[in-house]
Amino acid sequence: MQHSSKGSFDNFLHSKTELRPGNAVGLIIQSDDGKYLLQHRDDKAEIFFPNHWCMFGGGIDHKESPTDAAIRETQEELGIIISPDRLSYITTLWFDFSFENAREPYSRIFLAMAISNDEIQQLKLGEGQGMSFLTIEEALTRVQIAPYDAMALWMYHAKNRLTA
């Protein structure tokens, strides 16, 4: 597990690489022992939050549902096939880029699923520099996690504390 003493935005703050936001899905994947599976993103200037830790998931293709995107991304990035009934909706975070003439806000939809020990043994990293199961404390305080994923992970972890 990598940790840098640099600030969270130092490694790409001055990049001029064009970013193309779009709707995406993030998976909160939790093991039997309560740890969360996170991906260490590639260190590429053309992606959001390079070299950060994040949830597995990715862009939602045109006419693809968030559930279908999560299933596809899980197969591409982890090498396992999951069924839709294993996924539960958690939240949606919206990002409004209208100040740059974006036609509409973009969403990051978060779904959760449990992963069995048998499946853990079958995982094959298909994207990113690495992956690790982290406690909530490790995920939110010891690694550089993408801010939107940190928010959703905290919300999920604190769900029993949230009241309507």
Protein backbone atom coordinates (compact mmCIF):
# COMPACT_ATOMS: atom_id res chain seq x y z
CA MET A 1 0.00 0.00 0.00
CA GLN A 2 1.57 3.25 -1.14
CA HIS A 3 1.34 6.50 0.74
CA SER A 4 2.88 9.76 -0.31
CA SER A 5 3.76 12.70 1.88
CA LYS A 6 2.75 15.01 -0.97
CA GLY A 7 -0.65 16.62 -0.90
CA SER A 8 -3.51 14.85 -2.60
CA PHE A 9 -3.46 17.09 -5.67
CA ASP A 10 0.31 17.70 -6.04
CA ASN A 11 0.96 15.05 -8.68
CA PHE A 12 -1.40 16.53 -11.27
CA LEU A 13 -2.22 20.06 -10.15
CA HIS A 14 -0.30 21.69 -12.99
CA SER A 15 -1.18 19.21 -15.74
CA LYS A 16 -2.55 20.66 -18.97
CA THR A 17 -3.93 17.32 -20.20
CA GLU A 18 -7.55 17.55 -21.32
CA LEU A 19 -10.02 15.68 -19.12
CA ARG A 20 -13.33 14.39 -20.44
CA PRO A 21 -15.91 13.91 -17.69
CA GLY A 22 -18.75 11.49 -18.15
CA ASN A 23 -21.22 9.43 -16.16
CA ALA A 24 -19.54 6.67 -14.20
CA VAL A 25 -20.21 3.91 -11.71
CA GLY A 26 -18.17 3.08 -8.61
CA LEU A 27 -18.35 -0.21 -6.72
CA ILE A 28 -18.06 -0.43 -2.96
CA ILE A 29 -16.79 -4.00 -2.66
CA GLN A 30 -16.64 -5.36 0.88
CA SER A 31 -15.06 -8.59 2.09
CA ASP A 32 -16.37 -10.87 4.83
CA ASP A 33 -13.98 -9.23 7.32
CA GLY A 34 -15.34 -5.74 6.56
CA LYS A 35 -12.46 -4.46 4.45
CA TYR A 36 -13.00 -2.56 1.20
CA LEU A 37 -11.38 -3.47 -2.11
CA LEU A 38 -9.74 -0.47 -3.73
CA GLN A 39 -7.75 0.01 -6.91
CA HIS A 40 -4.50 1.96 -7.11
CA ARG A 41 -5.05 3.99 -10.28
CA ASP A 42 -2.48 4.31 -13.03
CA ASP A 43 -0.28 7.40 -12.96
CA LYS A 44 -1.55 8.85 -16.25
CA ALA A 45 -2.21 12.56 -16.65
CA GLU A 46 -5.27 11.95 -18.87
CA ILE A 47 -7.34 10.29 -16.11
CA PHE A 48 -9.07 11.81 -13.13
CA PHE A 49 -6.99 11.46 -9.96
CA PRO A 50 -3.99 9.60 -11.34
CA ASN A 51 -1.94 7.57 -8.84
CA HIS A 52 -4.80 7.72 -6.31
CA TRP A 53 -6.74 4.88 -4.76
CA CYS A 54 -10.34 4.51 -5.85
CA MET A 55 -13.21 2.12 -6.20
CA PHE A 56 -13.34 -0.26 -9.10
CA GLY A 57 -15.74 0.85 -11.81
CA GLY A 58 -15.66 3.31 -14.64
CA GLY A 59 -17.52 5.06 -17.39
CA ILE A 60 -21.07 4.17 -18.28
CA ASP A 61 -21.27 3.54 -22.02
CA HIS A 62 -24.01 5.08 -24.16
CA LYS A 63 -27.37 3.34 -23.52
CA GLU A 64 -25.79 1.20 -20.76
CA SER A 65 -27.40 1.04 -17.32
CA PRO A 66 -25.28 1.64 -14.22
CA THR A 67 -25.80 -2.01 -13.25
CA ASP A 68 -24.65 -3.23 -16.67
CA ALA A 69 -21.62 -0.92 -16.47
CA ALA A 70 -20.74 -2.30 -13.02
CA ILE A 71 -20.98 -5.88 -14.28
CA ARG A 72 -18.83 -5.08 -17.34
CA GLU A 73 -16.25 -3.14 -15.34
CA THR A 74 -16.00 -5.91 -12.72
CA GLN A 75 -15.25 -8.43 -15.43
CA GLU A 76 -12.73 -6.13 -17.18
CA GLU A 77 -10.96 -4.89 -14.07
CA LEU A 78 -11.18 -7.89 -11.71
CA GLY A 79 -11.79 -10.89 -13.95
CA ILE A 80 -14.97 -12.02 -12.20
CA ILE A 81 -18.54 -12.18 -13.45
CA ILE A 82 -21.26 -11.00 -11.11
CA SER A 83 -25.03 -11.05 -11.35
CA PRO A 84 -27.18 -7.92 -11.08
CA ASP A 85 -28.95 -9.15 -7.94
CA ARG A 86 -25.69 -8.82 -5.99
CA LEU A 87 -25.57 -5.06 -6.46
CA SER A 88 -27.35 -2.58 -4.23
CA TYR A 89 -27.70 1.12 -4.92
CA ILE A 90 -25.97 3.43 -2.42
CA THR A 91 -25.95 7.01 -3.75
CA THR A 92 -25.32 9.30 -6.69
CA LEU A 93 -22.94 12.24 -6.61
CA TRP A 94 -23.50 14.94 -9.24
CA PHE A 95 -20.87 17.15 -10.84
CA ASP A 96 -22.01 20.31 -12.59
CA PHE A 97 -19.54 21.59 -15.18
CA SER A 98 -21.94 24.17 -16.64
CA PHE A 99 -19.37 26.89 -15.93
CA GLU A 100 -17.49 25.28 -18.84
CA ASN A 101 -20.60 24.96 -21.01
CA ALA A 102 -21.28 21.31 -20.27
CA ARG A 103 -24.74 20.40 -21.51
CA GLU A 104 -25.75 18.59 -18.35
CA PRO A 105 -24.32 17.50 -14.99
CA TYR A 106 -22.39 14.25 -14.80
CA SER A 107 -23.05 11.57 -12.22
CA ARG A 108 -21.02 9.00 -10.34
CA ILE A 109 -23.38 6.28 -9.21
CA PHE A 110 -22.25 4.09 -6.33
CA LEU A 111 -23.33 0.48 -5.92
CA ALA A 112 -22.26 -1.96 -3.21
CA MET A 113 -21.62 -5.68 -3.19
CA ALA A 114 -20.12 -8.29 -0.91
CA ILE A 115 -17.29 -10.48 -2.17
CA SER A 116 -16.64 -14.02 -0.95
CA ASN A 117 -13.27 -15.47 0.01
CA ASP A 118 -13.55 -17.85 -2.97
CA GLU A 119 -13.99 -14.90 -5.34
CA ILE A 120 -11.07 -13.07 -3.76
CA GLN A 121 -8.84 -15.97 -4.75
CA GLN A 122 -10.00 -15.59 -8.37
CA LEU A 123 -9.35 -11.83 -8.71
CA LYS A 124 -7.08 -10.78 -11.57
CA LEU A 125 -6.18 -7.11 -11.82
CA GLY A 126 -7.04 -5.89 -15.32
CA GLU A 127 -6.46 -2.16 -14.84
CA GLY A 128 -4.43 0.04 -12.51
CA GLN A 129 -1.17 -0.36 -10.61
CA GLY A 130 -2.55 -2.58 -7.91
CA MET A 131 -5.38 -3.42 -5.58
CA SER A 132 -5.75 -3.98 -1.88
CA PHE A 133 -8.34 -4.66 0.77
CA LEU A 134 -8.25 -1.75 3.22
CA THR A 135 -9.97 -0.98 6.49
CA ILE A 136 -12.08 2.16 6.53
CA GLU A 137 -9.33 3.90 8.52
CA GLU A 138 -6.66 2.94 5.98
CA ALA A 139 -8.85 3.99 3.05
CA LEU A 140 -9.73 7.39 4.46
CA THR A 141 -6.51 8.36 6.25
CA ARG A 142 -3.49 6.43 4.98
CA VAL A 143 -3.78 6.49 1.19
CA GLN A 144 -4.62 9.16 -1.34
CA ILE A 145 -8.18 8.25 -2.27
CA ALA A 146 -10.16 10.04 -4.97
CA PRO A 147 -12.35 12.58 -3.10
CA TYR A 148 -15.69 11.45 -4.55
CA ASP A 149 -14.93 7.83 -3.67
CA ALA A 150 -13.89 8.87 -0.16
CA MET A 151 -17.24 10.61 0.30
CA ALA A 152 -19.29 7.64 -0.92
CA LEU A 153 -17.21 5.17 1.10
CA TRP A 154 -17.66 7.26 4.25
CA MET A 155 -21.42 7.50 3.61
CA TYR A 156 -21.66 3.74 3.15
CA HIS A 157 -19.58 3.00 6.23
CA ALA A 158 -21.56 5.50 8.35
CA LYS A 159 -24.96 4.36 7.04
CA ASN A 160 -26.11 3.21 10.46
CA ARG A 161 -25.42 6.70 11.85
CA LEU A 162 -27.44 8.53 9.19
CA THR A 163 -31.02 9.39 10.02
CA ALA A 164 -33.73 10.90 7.87
